PDB file of N, CA and C in Angstrom:
ATOM      1  N   MET A   1     -49.733 -51.725   3.715  1.00  0.00           N
ATOM      2  CA  MET A   1     -49.337 -50.647   4.848  1.00  0.00           C
ATOM      3  C   MET A   1     -50.025 -49.748   5.368  1.00  0.00           C
ATOM      4  N   THR A   2     -50.082 -49.551   6.658  1.00  0.00           N
ATOM      5  CA  THR A   2     -50.522 -48.412   6.671  1.00  0.00           C
ATOM      6  C   THR A   2     -49.616 -47.488   6.586  1.00  0.00           C
ATOM      7  N   ALA A   3     -50.229 -45.831   6.014  1.00  0.00           N
ATOM      8  CA  ALA A   3     -49.071 -44.460   5.468  1.00  0.00           C
ATOM      9  C   ALA A   3     -49.245 -44.080   6.764  1.00  0.00           C
ATOM     10  N   ILE A   4     -48.404 -42.870   6.558  1.00  0.00           N
ATOM     11  CA  ILE A   4     -48.086 -41.842   7.597  1.00  0.00           C
ATOM     12  C   ILE A   4     -47.654 -40.467   6.943  1.00  0.00           C
ATOM     13  N   TYR A   5     -48.713 -39.408   7.275  1.00  0.00           N
ATOM     14  CA  TYR A   5     -48.406 -37.943   6.514  1.00  0.00           C
ATOM     15  C   TYR A   5     -47.724 -37.246   6.666  1.00  0.00           C
ATOM     16  N   ASP A   6     -47.026 -35.880   5.360  1.00  0.00           N
ATOM     17  CA  ASP A   6     -46.782 -35.115   6.052  1.00  0.00           C
ATOM     18  C   ASP A   6     -47.704 -33.829   6.283  1.00  0.00           C
ATOM     19  N   LYS A   7     -46.885 -32.823   6.261  1.00  0.00           N
ATOM     20  CA  LYS A   7     -48.090 -31.395   6.821  1.00  0.00           C
ATOM     21  C   LYS A   7     -49.008 -31.085   5.870  1.00  0.00           C
ATOM     22  N   THR A   8     -48.498 -31.325   4.937  1.00  0.00           N
ATOM     23  CA  THR A   8     -49.355 -31.286   3.364  1.00  0.00           C
ATOM     24  C   THR A   8     -50.505 -32.273   3.307  1.00  0.00           C
ATOM     25  N   GLY A   9     -50.426 -33.625   3.900  1.00  0.00           N
ATOM     26  CA  GLY A   9     -51.625 -34.784   3.873  1.00  0.00           C
ATOM     27  C   GLY A   9     -50.836 -35.882   2.552  1.00  0.00           C
ATOM     28  N   ARG A  10     -49.748 -35.288   2.085  1.00  0.00           N
ATOM     29  CA  ARG A  10     -48.990 -36.547   1.167  1.00  0.00           C
ATOM     30  C   ARG A  10     -48.141 -37.753   2.062  1.00  0.00           C
ATOM     31  N   ALA A  11     -48.767 -38.584   1.395  1.00  0.00           N
ATOM     32  CA  ALA A  11     -48.204 -39.973   2.338  1.00  0.00           C
ATOM     33  C   ALA A  11     -46.765 -40.160   1.848  1.00  0.00           C
ATOM     34  N   ILE A  12     -46.026 -39.904   3.126  1.00  0.00           N
ATOM     35  CA  ILE A  12     -44.110 -40.746   3.090  1.00  0.00           C
ATOM     36  C   ILE A  12     -43.953 -41.790   2.840  1.00  0.00           C
ATOM     37  N   ALA A  13     -43.357 -41.805   1.602  1.00  0.00           N
ATOM     38  CA  ALA A  13     -42.621 -43.211   1.213  1.00  0.00           C
ATOM     39  C   ALA A  13     -41.126 -42.888   1.199  1.00  0.00           C
ATOM     40  N   VAL A  14     -40.769 -44.801   0.683  1.00  0.00           N
ATOM     41  CA  VAL A  14     -39.239 -44.591   0.779  1.00  0.00           C
ATOM     42  C   VAL A  14     -38.437 -44.243  -0.215  1.00  0.00           C
ATOM     43  N   GLY A  15     -37.473 -43.503   0.408  1.00  0.00           N
ATOM     44  CA  GLY A  15     -36.820 -42.575  -0.798  1.00  0.00           C
ATOM     45  C   GLY A  15     -37.358 -41.113  -0.342  1.00  0.00           C
ATOM     46  N   ASP A  16     -37.958 -40.840  -0.042  1.00  0.00           N
ATOM     47  CA  ASP A  16     -38.128 -39.330   0.030  1.00  0.00           C
ATOM     48  C   ASP A  16     -37.389 -38.285   1.229  1.00  0.00           C
ATOM     49  N   VAL A  17     -37.104 -37.156   0.991  1.00  0.00           N
ATOM     50  CA  VAL A  17     -36.398 -36.645   1.802  1.00  0.00           C
ATOM     51  C   VAL A  17     -37.209 -35.665   2.494  1.00  0.00           C
ATOM     52  N   LEU A  18     -37.180 -35.410   3.282  1.00  0.00           N
ATOM     53  CA  LEU A  18     -38.107 -34.677   4.633  1.00  0.00           C
ATOM     54  C   LEU A  18     -37.191 -33.690   4.824  1.00  0.00           C
ATOM     55  N   LYS A  19     -38.354 -32.465   4.759  1.00  0.00           N
ATOM     56  CA  LYS A  19     -37.349 -31.092   5.875  1.00  0.00           C
ATOM     57  C   LYS A  19     -38.650 -31.311   7.137  1.00  0.00           C
ATOM     58  N   VAL A  20     -37.323 -31.222   8.417  1.00  0.00           N
ATOM     59  CA  VAL A  20     -38.017 -31.177   9.684  1.00  0.00           C
ATOM     60  C   VAL A  20     -37.871 -30.416  10.696  1.00  0.00           C
ATOM     61  N   TYR A  21     -38.666 -29.758  10.943  1.00  0.00           N
ATOM     62  CA  TYR A  21     -38.385 -28.371  11.849  1.00  0.00           C
ATOM     63  C   TYR A  21     -37.460 -29.156  13.006  1.00  0.00           C
ATOM     64  N   HIS A  22     -36.625 -28.216  13.421  1.00  0.00           N
ATOM     65  CA  HIS A  22     -35.940 -28.703  14.452  1.00  0.00           C
ATOM     66  C   HIS A  22     -35.906 -27.480  15.306  1.00  0.00           C
ATOM     67  N   PHE A  23     -35.740 -26.223  15.497  1.00  0.00           N
ATOM     68  CA  PHE A  23     -35.933 -25.094  16.620  1.00  0.00           C
ATOM     69  C   PHE A  23     -36.069 -23.606  16.154  1.00  0.00           C
ATOM     70  N   THR A  24     -36.568 -22.829  16.632  1.00  0.00           N
ATOM     71  CA  THR A  24     -36.203 -21.209  16.493  1.00  0.00           C
ATOM     72  C   THR A  24     -35.641 -20.563  17.447  1.00  0.00           C
ATOM     73  N   ALA A  25     -34.744 -19.546  16.371  1.00  0.00           N
ATOM     74  CA  ALA A  25     -33.373 -19.284  17.128  1.00  0.00           C
ATOM     75  C   ALA A  25     -34.205 -17.855  17.698  1.00  0.00           C
ATOM     76  N   ALA A  26     -33.438 -17.902  19.396  1.00  0.00           N
ATOM     77  CA  ALA A  26     -34.047 -16.931  19.795  1.00  0.00           C
ATOM     78  C   ALA A  26     -34.039 -15.344  19.484  1.00  0.00           C
ATOM     79  N   LEU A  27     -32.908 -14.778  18.654  1.00  0.00           N
ATOM     80  CA  LEU A  27     -32.245 -13.696  18.528  1.00  0.00           C
ATOM     81  C   LEU A  27     -33.089 -12.965  17.707  1.00  0.00           C
ATOM     82  N   ARG A  28     -33.611 -13.953  16.417  1.00  0.00           N
ATOM     83  CA  ARG A  28     -34.256 -13.426  15.458  1.00  0.00           C
ATOM     84  C   ARG A  28     -35.351 -14.087  14.888  1.00  0.00           C
ATOM     85  N   ARG A  29     -36.076 -14.870  15.773  1.00  0.00           N
ATOM     86  CA  ARG A  29     -36.892 -15.895  15.713  1.00  0.00           C
ATOM     87  C   ARG A  29     -37.392 -16.653  14.024  1.00  0.00           C
ATOM     88  N   LYS A  30     -35.643 -16.781  13.771  1.00  0.00           N
ATOM     89  CA  LYS A  30     -35.626 -17.479  12.862  1.00  0.00           C
ATOM     90  C   LYS A  30     -35.726 -19.257  12.810  1.00  0.00           C
ATOM     91  N   LYS A  31     -36.437 -20.104  11.972  1.00  0.00           N
ATOM     92  CA  LYS A  31     -36.723 -21.176  12.140  1.00  0.00           C
ATOM     93  C   LYS A  31     -35.836 -22.072  11.389  1.00  0.00           C
ATOM     94  N   HIS A  32     -35.464 -22.915  12.096  1.00  0.00           N
ATOM     95  CA  HIS A  32     -34.306 -23.910  11.497  1.00  0.00           C
ATOM     96  C   HIS A  32     -34.743 -25.218  11.410  1.00  0.00           C
ATOM     97  N   PHE A  33     -34.073 -25.667  10.304  1.00  0.00           N
ATOM     98  CA  PHE A  33     -34.506 -27.294  10.012  1.00  0.00           C
ATOM     99  C   PHE A  33     -33.488 -28.151   9.628  1.00  0.00           C
ATOM    100  N   MET A  34     -33.515 -29.502   9.778  1.00  0.00           N
ATOM    101  CA  MET A  34     -32.993 -30.680   9.355  1.00  0.00           C
ATOM    102  C   MET A  34     -33.610 -31.419   8.310  1.00  0.00           C
ATOM    103  N   TYR A  35     -32.735 -31.902   7.340  1.00  0.00           N
ATOM    104  CA  TYR A  35     -33.173 -33.156   6.353  1.00  0.00           C
ATOM    105  C   TYR A  35     -32.893 -34.211   6.412  1.00  0.00           C
ATOM    106  N   LYS A  36     -33.978 -35.306   6.236  1.00  0.00           N
ATOM    107  CA  LYS A  36     -33.643 -36.394   6.447  1.00  0.00           C
ATOM    108  C   LYS A  36     -34.273 -36.874   5.320  1.00  0.00           C
ATOM    109  N   GLN A  37     -33.590 -38.356   5.328  1.00  0.00           N
ATOM    110  CA  GLN A  37     -34.430 -39.654   4.392  1.00  0.00           C
ATOM    111  C   GLN A  37     -34.651 -40.725   4.486  1.00  0.00           C
ATOM    112  N   VAL A  38     -35.646 -41.443   4.299  1.00  0.00           N
ATOM    113  CA  VAL A  38     -36.353 -42.077   4.563  1.00  0.00           C
ATOM    114  C   VAL A  38     -36.131 -43.311   3.818  1.00  0.00           C
ATOM    115  N   ALA A  39     -35.107 -44.189   4.463  1.00  0.00           N
ATOM    116  CA  ALA A  39     -34.884 -45.412   4.124  1.00  0.00           C
ATOM    117  C   ALA A  39     -35.405 -46.692   3.829  1.00  0.00           C
ATOM    118  N   ILE A  40     -36.077 -47.264   4.459  1.00  0.00           N
ATOM    119  CA  ILE A  40     -36.227 -48.461   4.868  1.00  0.00           C
ATOM    120  C   ILE A  40     -38.034 -48.462   5.280  1.00  0.00           C
ATOM    121  N   ALA A  41     -38.776 -49.179   4.625  1.00  0.00           N
ATOM    122  CA  ALA A  41     -40.039 -49.675   4.995  1.00  0.00           C
ATOM    123  C   ALA A  41     -39.871 -51.101   5.737  1.00  0.00           C
ATOM    124  N   ASP A  42     -40.184 -51.254   6.711  1.00  0.00           N
ATOM    125  CA  ASP A  42     -40.111 -52.271   7.691  1.00  0.00           C
ATOM    126  C   ASP A  42     -41.393 -52.576   8.470  1.00  0.00           C
ATOM    127  N   ARG A  43     -41.316 -53.655   9.523  1.00  0.00           N
ATOM    128  CA  ARG A  43     -42.116 -54.097  10.522  1.00  0.00           C
ATOM    129  C   ARG A  43     -41.588 -54.505  11.787  1.00  0.00           C
ATOM    130  N   PHE A  44     -42.196 -54.207  12.793  1.00  0.00           N
ATOM    131  CA  PHE A  44     -41.457 -54.530  14.225  1.00  0.00           C
ATOM    132  C   PHE A  44     -41.944 -56.186  14.698  1.00  0.00           C
ATOM    133  N   ARG A  45     -41.706 -56.490  15.175  1.00  0.00           N
ATOM    134  CA  ARG A  45     -41.808 -57.914  15.461  1.00  0.00           C
ATOM    135  C   ARG A  45     -43.111 -58.093  15.739  1.00  0.00           C
ATOM    136  N   ASP A  46     -43.930 -57.356  16.132  1.00  0.00           N
ATOM    137  CA  ASP A  46     -45.276 -57.537  16.230  1.00  0.00           C
ATOM    138  C   ASP A  46     -46.549 -57.234  14.777  1.00  0.00           C
ATOM    139  N   GLY A  47     -45.378 -57.093  13.700  1.00  0.00           N
ATOM    140  CA  GLY A  47     -46.283 -56.463  12.480  1.00  0.00           C
ATOM    141  C   GLY A  47     -46.237 -55.200  12.431  1.00  0.00           C
ATOM    142  N   THR A  48     -46.313 -54.093  13.681  1.00  0.00           N
ATOM    143  CA  THR A  48     -46.436 -53.148  13.529  1.00  0.00           C
ATOM    144  C   THR A  48     -45.715 -52.539  11.731  1.00  0.00           C
ATOM    145  N   PRO A  49     -46.255 -51.816  10.946  1.00  0.00           N
ATOM    146  CA  PRO A  49     -45.529 -51.237  10.080  1.00  0.00           C
ATOM    147  C   PRO A  49     -44.490 -49.939  10.430  1.00  0.00           C
ATOM    148  N   ILE A  50     -43.466 -49.381   9.947  1.00  0.00           N
ATOM    149  CA  ILE A  50     -42.524 -48.608  10.637  1.00  0.00           C
ATOM    150  C   ILE A  50     -41.894 -48.230   9.086  1.00  0.00           C
ATOM    151  N   LEU A  51     -41.152 -46.945   9.153  1.00  0.00           N
ATOM    152  CA  LEU A  51     -39.961 -46.310   8.385  1.00  0.00           C
ATOM    153  C   LEU A  51     -38.776 -46.194   8.970  1.00  0.00           C
ATOM    154  N   ARG A  52     -37.746 -46.142   8.544  1.00  0.00           N
ATOM    155  CA  ARG A  52     -36.589 -45.767   9.469  1.00  0.00           C
ATOM    156  C   ARG A  52     -35.966 -44.839   8.531  1.00  0.00           C
ATOM    157  N   VAL A  53     -35.815 -43.804   9.239  1.00  0.00           N
ATOM    158  CA  VAL A  53     -35.148 -42.411   8.620  1.00  0.00           C
ATOM    159  C   VAL A  53     -33.747 -42.238   9.061  1.00  0.00           C
ATOM    160  N   VAL A  54     -32.834 -42.281   7.894  1.00  0.00           N
ATOM    161  CA  VAL A  54     -31.530 -41.666   7.903  1.00  0.00           C
ATOM    162  C   VAL A  54     -31.514 -40.127   7.945  1.00  0.00           C
ATOM    163  N   HIS A  55     -30.137 -39.905   8.650  1.00  0.00           N
ATOM    164  CA  HIS A  55     -29.611 -38.308   8.614  1.00  0.00           C
ATOM    165  C   HIS A  55     -29.013 -38.736   7.129  1.00  0.00           C
ATOM    166  N   LEU A  56     -28.642 -37.210   6.629  1.00  0.00           N
ATOM    167  CA  LEU A  56     -27.927 -37.133   5.450  1.00  0.00           C
ATOM    168  C   LEU A  56     -26.424 -37.064   5.905  1.00  0.00           C
ATOM    169  N   ASP A  57     -25.774 -37.957   6.763  1.00  0.00           N
ATOM    170  CA  ASP A  57     -24.502 -38.195   6.624  1.00  0.00           C
ATOM    171  C   ASP A  57     -24.130 -39.528   6.606  1.00  0.00           C
ATOM    172  N   LEU A  58     -22.694 -40.042   6.763  1.00  0.00           N
ATOM    173  CA  LEU A  58     -22.333 -41.036   6.591  1.00  0.00           C
ATOM    174  C   LEU A  58     -22.419 -42.226   7.670  1.00  0.00           C
ATOM    175  N   THR A  59     -23.167 -41.686   8.200  1.00  0.00           N
ATOM    176  CA  THR A  59     -23.092 -42.748   9.761  1.00  0.00           C
ATOM    177  C   THR A  59     -24.667 -43.719   9.320  1.00  0.00           C
ATOM    178  N   ASP A  60     -24.614 -44.733  10.497  1.00  0.00           N
ATOM    179  CA  ASP A  60     -25.590 -45.735  10.150  1.00  0.00           C
ATOM    180  C   ASP A  60     -26.842 -44.893  11.287  1.00  0.00           C
ATOM    181  N   ASP A  61     -27.010 -44.385  11.719  1.00  0.00           N
ATOM    182  CA  ASP A  61     -27.435 -44.114  12.737  1.00  0.00           C
ATOM    183  C   ASP A  61     -29.168 -43.548  12.027  1.00  0.00           C
ATOM    184  N   PHE A  62     -30.095 -44.161  12.531  1.00  0.00           N
ATOM    185  CA  PHE A  62     -31.716 -44.218  11.906  1.00  0.00           C
ATOM    186  C   PHE A  62     -32.526 -43.716  13.331  1.00  0.00           C
ATOM    187  N   TYR A  63     -34.035 -43.475  12.956  1.00  0.00           N
ATOM    188  CA  TYR A  63     -34.805 -43.504  13.878  1.00  0.00           C
ATOM    189  C   TYR A  63     -36.053 -43.776  13.437  1.00  0.00           C
ATOM    190  N   THR A  64     -36.868 -44.367  13.899  1.00  0.00           N
ATOM    191  CA  THR A  64     -37.881 -44.727  13.177  1.00  0.00           C
ATOM    192  C   THR A  64     -39.568 -43.692  13.320  1.00  0.00           C
ATOM    193  N   LEU A  65     -40.490 -43.842  12.376  1.00  0.00           N
ATOM    194  CA  LEU A  65     -41.982 -43.650  12.359  1.00  0.00           C
ATOM    195  C   LEU A  65     -42.325 -44.737  12.023  1.00  0.00           C
ATOM    196  N   ILE A  66     -43.361 -44.840  13.326  1.00  0.00           N
ATOM    197  CA  ILE A  66     -44.676 -45.505  12.939  1.00  0.00           C
ATOM    198  C   ILE A  66     -45.327 -45.561  11.936  1.00  0.00           C
ATOM    199  N   CYS A  67     -46.300 -46.401  11.378  1.00  0.00           N
ATOM    200  CA  CYS A  67     -47.377 -45.875  10.572  1.00  0.00           C
ATOM    201  C   CYS A  67     -48.730 -46.234  10.749  1.00  0.00           C
ATOM    202  N   ASP A  68     -49.198 -45.204  11.368  1.00  0.00           N
ATOM    203  CA  ASP A  68     -50.087 -45.345  12.033  1.00  0.00           C
ATOM    204  C   ASP A  68     -51.189 -44.316  11.295  1.00  0.00           C
ATOM    205  N   GLY A  69     -51.172 -43.708  10.414  1.00  0.00           N
ATOM    206  CA  GLY A  69     -52.247 -42.879   9.912  1.00  0.00           C
ATOM    207  C   GLY A  69     -51.985 -41.605  10.660  1.00  0.00           C
ATOM    208  N   ARG A  70     -50.822 -41.338  11.118  1.00  0.00           N
ATOM    209  CA  ARG A  70     -51.180 -39.659  11.488  1.00  0.00           C
ATOM    210  C   ARG A  70     -50.611 -38.750  10.543  1.00  0.00           C
ATOM    211  N   HIS A  71     -50.954 -37.628  10.633  1.00  0.00           N
ATOM    212  CA  HIS A  71     -50.275 -36.484  10.197  1.00  0.00           C
ATOM    213  C   HIS A  71     -49.303 -35.873  11.366  1.00  0.00           C
ATOM    214  N   LEU A  72     -47.967 -35.212  10.323  1.00  0.00           N
ATOM    215  CA  LEU A  72     -46.643 -34.918  11.081  1.00  0.00           C
ATOM    216  C   LEU A  72     -46.464 -33.440  10.808  1.00  0.00           C
ATOM    217  N   PRO A  73     -46.868 -32.590  11.615  1.00  0.00           N
ATOM    218  CA  PRO A  73     -47.228 -31.256  11.396  1.00  0.00           C
ATOM    219  C   PRO A  73     -45.648 -30.721  10.998  1.00  0.00           C
ATOM    220  N   ASP A  74     -44.699 -31.356  11.581  1.00  0.00           N
ATOM    221  CA  ASP A  74     -43.381 -30.296  11.415  1.00  0.00           C
ATOM    222  C   ASP A  74     -42.508 -31.400  10.152  1.00  0.00           C
ATOM    223  N   TYR A  75     -42.968 -32.003   9.649  1.00  0.00           N
ATOM    224  CA  TYR A  75     -42.616 -32.690   8.648  1.00  0.00           C
ATOM    225  C   TYR A  75     -43.105 -32.463   7.259  1.00  0.00           C
ATOM    226  N   GLU A  76     -42.180 -31.695   6.049  1.00  0.00           N
ATOM    227  CA  GLU A  76     -42.595 -31.775   4.670  1.00  0.00           C
ATOM    228  C   GLU A  76     -41.970 -32.696   3.601  1.00  0.00           C
ATOM    229  N   ILE A  77     -42.335 -32.865   2.867  1.00  0.00           N
ATOM    230  CA  ILE A  77     -41.423 -33.744   1.695  1.00  0.00           C
ATOM    231  C   ILE A  77     -41.438 -32.715   0.544  1.00  0.00           C
ATOM    232  N   VAL A  78     -39.843 -32.592   0.393  1.00  0.00           N
ATOM    233  CA  VAL A  78     -39.340 -31.347  -0.367  1.00  0.00           C
ATOM    234  C   VAL A  78     -38.884 -32.332  -1.448  1.00  0.00           C
ATOM    235  N   GLN A  79     -38.627 -33.663  -1.634  1.00  0.00           N
ATOM    236  CA  GLN A  79     -37.813 -34.563  -2.496  1.00  0.00           C
ATOM    237  C   GLN A  79     -38.334 -35.634  -2.822  1.00  0.00           C
ATOM    238  N   SER A  80     -38.309 -36.576  -3.734  1.00  0.00           N
ATOM    239  CA  SER A  80     -38.471 -38.194  -3.690  1.00  0.00           C
ATOM    240  C   SER A  80     -37.786 -38.474  -5.013  1.00  0.00           C
ATOM    241  N   VAL A  81     -37.828 -39.960  -5.221  1.00  0.00           N
ATOM    242  CA  VAL A  81     -37.051 -40.521  -5.833  1.00  0.00           C
ATOM    243  C   VAL A  81     -37.359 -40.679  -7.061  1.00  0.00           C
ATOM    244  N   LYS A  82     -38.889 -40.509  -7.276  1.00  0.00           N
ATOM    245  CA  LYS A  82     -39.359 -40.932  -8.611  1.00  0.00           C
ATOM    246  C   LYS A  82     -39.957 -39.516  -8.653  1.00  0.00           C
ATOM    247  N   CYS A  83     -39.417 -38.452  -8.081  1.00  0.00           N
ATOM    248  CA  CYS A  83     -40.280 -36.820  -8.414  1.00  0.00           C
ATOM    249  C   CYS A  83     -41.646 -37.201  -8.836  1.00  0.00           C
ATOM    250  N   ASP A  84     -42.460 -37.803  -7.536  1.00  0.00           N
ATOM    251  CA  ASP A  84     -44.197 -37.679  -7.899  1.00  0.00           C
ATOM    252  C   ASP A  84     -44.953 -37.110  -6.518  1.00  0.00           C
ATOM    253  N   HIS A  85     -44.020 -36.740  -5.786  1.00  0.00           N
ATOM    254  CA  HIS A  85     -44.453 -36.252  -4.354  1.00  0.00           C
ATOM    255  C   HIS A  85     -45.223 -35.417  -4.863  1.00  0.00           C
ATOM    256  N   HIS A  86     -45.327 -34.419  -6.104  1.00  0.00           N
ATOM    257  CA  HIS A  86     -45.960 -33.378  -5.898  1.00  0.00           C
ATOM    258  C   HIS A  86     -47.779 -33.834  -6.407  1.00  0.00           C
ATOM    259  N   ASP A  87     -47.635 -35.184  -6.841  1.00  0.00           N
ATOM    260  CA  ASP A  87     -48.706 -35.630  -7.763  1.00  0.00           C
ATOM    261  C   ASP A  87     -49.429 -36.651  -6.837  1.00  0.00           C
ATOM    262  N   ARG A  88     -48.820 -37.027  -5.648  1.00  0.00           N
ATOM    263  CA  ARG A  88     -49.880 -37.762  -4.797  1.00  0.00           C
ATOM    264  C   ARG A  88     -51.235 -37.474  -4.723  1.00  0.00           C
ATOM    265  N   PRO A  89     -52.028 -38.168  -4.375  1.00  0.00           N
ATOM    266  CA  PRO A  89     -52.898 -37.860  -3.467  1.00  0.00           C
ATOM    267  C   PRO A  89     -52.875 -37.112  -2.022  1.00  0.00           C
ATOM    268  N   ARG A  90     -53.411 -36.127  -1.874  1.00  0.00           N
ATOM    269  CA  ARG A  90     -53.549 -35.619  -0.418  1.00  0.00           C
ATOM    270  C   ARG A  90     -54.493 -36.467   0.463  1.00  0.00           C
ATOM    271  N   HIS A  91     -54.148 -36.586   1.620  1.00  0.00           N
ATOM    272  CA  HIS A  91     -54.720 -37.138   2.760  1.00  0.00           C
ATOM    273  C   HIS A  91     -55.905 -35.935   3.782  1.00  0.00           C
ATOM    274  N   ARG A  92     -56.953 -35.914   3.914  1.00  0.00           N
ATOM    275  CA  ARG A  92     -57.494 -35.157   4.371  1.00  0.00           C
ATOM    276  C   ARG A  92     -57.237 -35.481   6.151  1.00  0.00           C
ATOM    277  N   HIS A  93     -56.688 -34.607   6.589  1.00  0.00           N
ATOM    278  CA  HIS A  93     -56.889 -34.709   8.438  1.00  0.00           C
ATOM    279  C   HIS A  93     -58.178 -34.550   9.156  1.00  0.00           C
ATOM    280  N   THR A  94     -58.060 -35.628   9.432  1.00  0.00           N
ATOM    281  CA  THR A  94     -59.442 -35.618  10.164  1.00  0.00           C
ATOM    282  C   THR A  94     -59.584 -35.318  11.933  1.00  0.00           C
ATOM    283  N   ALA A  95     -60.374 -34.458  12.248  1.00  0.00           N
ATOM    284  CA  ALA A  95     -60.080 -34.148  13.701  1.00  0.00           C
ATOM    285  C   ALA A  95     -60.653 -35.342  14.660  1.00  0.00           C
ATOM    286  N   ALA A  96     -60.098 -35.382  15.698  1.00  0.00           N
ATOM    287  CA  ALA A  96     -59.968 -36.684  16.798  1.00  0.00           C
ATOM    288  C   ALA A  96     -61.621 -35.972  17.385  1.00  0.00           C
ATOM    289  N   PRO A  97     -62.025 -37.126  17.631  1.00  0.00           N
ATOM    290  CA  PRO A  97     -63.885 -36.468  18.261  1.00  0.00           C
ATOM    291  C   PRO A  97     -64.110 -36.372  19.804  1.00  0.00           C
TER     292      PRO A  97
END
């Protein structure tokens, strides 16, 4: 399965809690974040690998991240189920030609 990476270059995996940038307040320029959790690694019908990301509430709502090797600059892993996210190897972001 192709991975997808957070802003530090660590691969995002099932069980990770992600800190996602939401908006910057106008008054004091304070940044606001949302927290999400990766629930399921799945595939589309055509075989494209995806991650289903859920909100930290009691609803069944989710959104998908397509695992295409991208670095997501607004996402950061803050916690993982195995507590191994700090030990994961970092992937270098390569600039597009």
